[in-house]
Protein backbone atom coordinates (compact mmCIF):
# COMPACT_ATOMS: atom_id res chain seq x y z
CA MET A 1 -0.02 -0.06 0.04
CA ALA A 2 2.91 2.44 0.86
CA ALA A 3 4.41 1.60 -2.47
CA THR A 4 1.12 2.50 -4.30
CA ARG A 5 0.99 5.78 -2.37
CA SER A 6 4.60 6.60 -3.31
CA ALA A 7 4.05 5.76 -6.91
CA VAL A 8 0.76 8.02 -7.14
CA SER A 9 2.64 10.79 -5.24
CA ARG A 10 5.59 10.57 -7.76
CA ALA A 11 3.16 10.56 -10.68
CA SER A 12 1.22 13.55 -9.28
CA ARG A 13 4.47 15.54 -8.73
CA ALA A 14 5.61 14.78 -12.31
CA ARG A 15 2.35 16.07 -13.81
CA SER A 16 2.38 19.30 -11.54
CA LYS A 17 5.79 20.39 -12.89
CA ALA A 18 5.13 23.30 -15.07
CA PRO A 19 6.96 23.44 -18.39
CA ALA A 20 9.98 25.48 -18.32
CA ALA A 21 9.53 29.10 -18.75
CA PRO A 22 10.64 30.64 -22.16
CA ARG A 23 14.05 32.25 -22.15
CA PRO A 24 13.98 36.00 -21.95
CA ALA A 25 15.48 36.40 -25.36
CA ALA A 26 12.71 34.18 -26.85
CA ILE A 27 10.22 36.51 -25.31
CA ALA A 28 11.83 39.60 -26.51
CA VAL A 29 11.85 38.26 -30.18
CA ALA A 30 8.17 37.17 -29.79
CA GLU A 31 7.19 40.63 -28.65
CA SER A 32 8.94 42.43 -31.38
CA VAL A 33 7.11 40.43 -34.05
CA PRO A 34 3.39 41.78 -34.65
CA LEU A 35 0.71 39.33 -33.88
CA GLN A 36 -0.68 37.46 -36.79
CA LEU A 37 -4.39 38.18 -37.21
CA GLY A 38 -5.08 35.09 -39.48
CA GLU A 39 -8.48 35.08 -41.02
CA LEU A 40 -9.64 38.02 -38.97
CA ALA A 41 -7.75 40.35 -41.32
CA GLU A 42 -10.11 39.10 -44.22
CA LEU A 43 -13.42 39.42 -42.27
CA LEU A 44 -15.19 42.48 -43.22
CA GLY A 45 -16.99 42.74 -39.95
CA TYR A 46 -13.63 42.68 -38.06
CA VAL A 47 -12.08 45.25 -40.07
CA PHE A 48 -15.10 47.52 -39.85
CA LYS A 49 -15.04 47.16 -36.06
CA ARG A 50 -11.39 48.02 -35.97
CA ALA A 51 -12.03 51.10 -37.93
CA GLN A 52 -15.05 52.03 -35.93
CA LEU A 53 -12.99 51.83 -32.79
CA ARG A 54 -10.23 54.23 -34.17
CA ILE A 55 -12.76 56.60 -35.55
CA PHE A 56 -14.67 56.71 -32.19
CA GLU A 57 -11.35 57.25 -30.30
CA ASP A 58 -10.50 60.03 -32.43
CA PHE A 59 -14.12 61.56 -32.24
CA ILE A 60 -13.97 61.29 -28.33
CA ARG A 61 -10.51 62.90 -28.32
CA CYS A 62 -11.73 65.79 -30.54
CA VAL A 63 -14.80 66.62 -28.52
CA GLU A 64 -13.16 65.87 -25.07
CA PRO A 65 -13.74 69.40 -23.76
CA LEU A 66 -17.49 68.80 -24.25
CA GLN A 67 -17.54 65.42 -22.72
CA LEU A 68 -19.65 63.94 -25.48
CA THR A 69 -19.72 60.47 -26.77
CA PRO A 70 -20.66 59.72 -30.49
CA ALA A 71 -24.02 58.50 -29.49
CA GLN A 72 -24.86 61.59 -27.28
CA PHE A 73 -23.65 63.85 -30.38
CA SER A 74 -25.89 61.87 -32.59
CA VAL A 75 -28.88 62.39 -30.25
CA LEU A 76 -28.32 66.17 -29.99
CA VAL A 77 -28.05 66.38 -33.86
CA LEU A 78 -31.26 64.46 -34.23
CA LEU A 79 -32.90 66.64 -31.65
CA GLU A 80 -31.90 69.77 -33.55
CA HIS A 81 -33.12 68.54 -36.82
CA ASN A 82 -36.34 66.90 -35.62
CA PRO A 83 -38.03 69.15 -32.85
CA GLY A 84 -41.10 67.76 -31.29
CA ARG A 85 -40.20 64.03 -31.85
CA ASN A 86 -40.58 61.52 -29.06
CA GLN A 87 -37.79 59.60 -27.39
CA THR A 88 -38.84 56.17 -28.99
CA GLU A 89 -38.39 57.62 -32.32
CA ILE A 90 -34.94 59.07 -31.65
CA ALA A 91 -33.77 56.00 -30.01
CA THR A 92 -35.15 53.71 -32.82
CA THR A 93 -33.58 55.76 -35.47
CA LEU A 94 -30.20 55.58 -33.81
CA GLY A 95 -30.54 51.89 -33.05
CA ILE A 96 -30.21 52.43 -29.26
CA LEU A 97 -32.06 50.07 -26.84
CA ARG A 98 -34.81 51.73 -24.74
CA PRO A 99 -33.00 51.20 -21.27
CA ASN A 100 -29.66 52.56 -22.62
CA PHE A 101 -31.36 55.49 -24.36
CA VAL A 102 -33.24 56.46 -21.15
CA ALA A 103 -30.01 56.35 -19.17
CA MET A 104 -28.31 58.58 -21.89
CA LEU A 105 -31.18 61.02 -21.77
CA ASP A 106 -31.03 61.22 -18.03
CA GLY A 107 -27.24 62.12 -18.39
CA LEU A 108 -27.96 64.69 -21.04
CA GLU A 109 -30.89 66.06 -19.12
CA SER A 110 -28.75 66.38 -15.88
CA ARG A 111 -26.29 68.46 -17.79
CA GLU A 112 -29.23 70.60 -19.06
CA LEU A 113 -28.49 69.76 -22.62
CA CYS A 114 -32.00 68.51 -23.39
CA MET A 115 -35.40 68.17 -21.63
CA ARG A 116 -38.31 65.72 -21.78
CA VAL A 117 -41.79 66.97 -21.91
CA ARG A 118 -44.86 64.76 -21.68
CA SER A 119 -46.55 64.63 -25.19
CA THR A 120 -49.89 66.38 -25.28
CA GLN A 121 -51.00 63.83 -27.97
CA ASP A 122 -50.02 60.68 -26.08
CA ARG A 123 -49.52 61.07 -22.33
CA ARG A 124 -47.43 57.91 -22.18
CA SER A 125 -44.92 59.38 -24.61
CA HIS A 126 -42.26 61.95 -23.95
CA ILE A 127 -41.02 64.72 -26.46
CA VAL A 128 -37.35 65.41 -26.34
CA MET A 129 -36.21 68.93 -26.87
CA LEU A 130 -32.77 70.74 -27.01
CA THR A 131 -32.27 73.40 -24.52
CA ASP A 132 -30.43 76.60 -25.20
CA LYS A 133 -27.38 75.14 -23.47
CA GLY A 134 -27.83 72.02 -25.55
CA ARG A 135 -27.89 74.07 -28.76
CA ALA A 136 -24.74 76.02 -27.76
CA VAL A 137 -22.86 72.78 -26.81
CA LEU A 138 -23.95 71.24 -30.18
CA ALA A 139 -22.77 74.18 -32.06
CA ARG A 140 -19.39 73.84 -30.45
CA ALA A 141 -19.21 70.09 -31.00
CA LYS A 142 -20.11 70.46 -34.51
CA ARG A 143 -17.35 73.04 -35.06
CA LEU A 144 -14.83 70.66 -33.36
CA VAL A 145 -16.08 67.61 -35.39
CA ALA A 146 -15.91 69.48 -38.79
CA THR A 147 -12.34 71.16 -38.22
CA LYS A 148 -10.63 68.29 -36.42
CA HIS A 149 -12.28 65.01 -36.64
CA GLU A 150 -13.82 64.99 -39.94
CA ALA A 151 -10.90 66.97 -41.51
CA ARG A 152 -8.51 64.26 -40.31
CA LEU A 153 -10.68 61.49 -41.87
CA ASN A 154 -11.02 63.41 -45.11
CA ALA A 155 -7.21 63.83 -45.24
CA LEU A 156 -7.02 59.99 -45.46
CA LEU A 157 -9.43 59.77 -48.39
CA CYS A 158 -9.63 61.66 -51.62
CA GLU A 159 -13.15 63.10 -52.41
CA THR A 160 -13.77 60.02 -54.92
CA ASP A 161 -12.97 57.45 -52.27
CA ARG A 162 -14.99 59.42 -49.62
CA VAL A 163 -18.10 59.39 -51.79
CA ALA A 164 -17.60 55.70 -52.67
CA LEU A 165 -17.06 54.78 -49.04
CA MET A 166 -20.23 56.62 -47.98
CA ALA A 167 -22.25 54.84 -50.55
CA MET A 168 -20.82 51.38 -49.67
CA LEU A 169 -21.54 52.09 -45.97
CA GLU A 170 -25.01 53.29 -46.82
CA LYS A 171 -25.65 50.00 -48.69
CA LEU A 172 -24.33 47.95 -45.81
CA SER A 173 -26.28 49.90 -43.33
CA LYS A 174 -29.42 48.52 -45.15
CA PHE A 175 -28.16 44.91 -44.83
């Protein structure tokens, strides 16, 4: 019995031994070589998501003084161009889920950028409107986006490429 326990113990110790750690030189070489993306580099959705992340990072950096996200900016633009519309219409147009949209509106409302008013047509519905402060912040944001963010994006593409890309993205948005 003792021999059996001893054999099990040796086998257990042998299994628990971790493989030898790579040598530091091997790690340095591996870290200097870019990761291979494999088939990810060929997947349209993956490449779009990577581009979207970079574009959003630039947008956020551009409007950092105003503390607006791309989604918040989009809401303010829709409110400016669609006065008197209800929050469900705005959320649906932007593809934002109702609970997320309500939380976003709470934040915009606490900053006094917009306000909700109960609809006179349907008391269950709320109309969302820009405040004067919201209009002023949006005007500043639009200037920053046009002169910095969009200017950087446009510098990457010639006008023909930009028009073609916009057409392709519009087509894909209806997929």
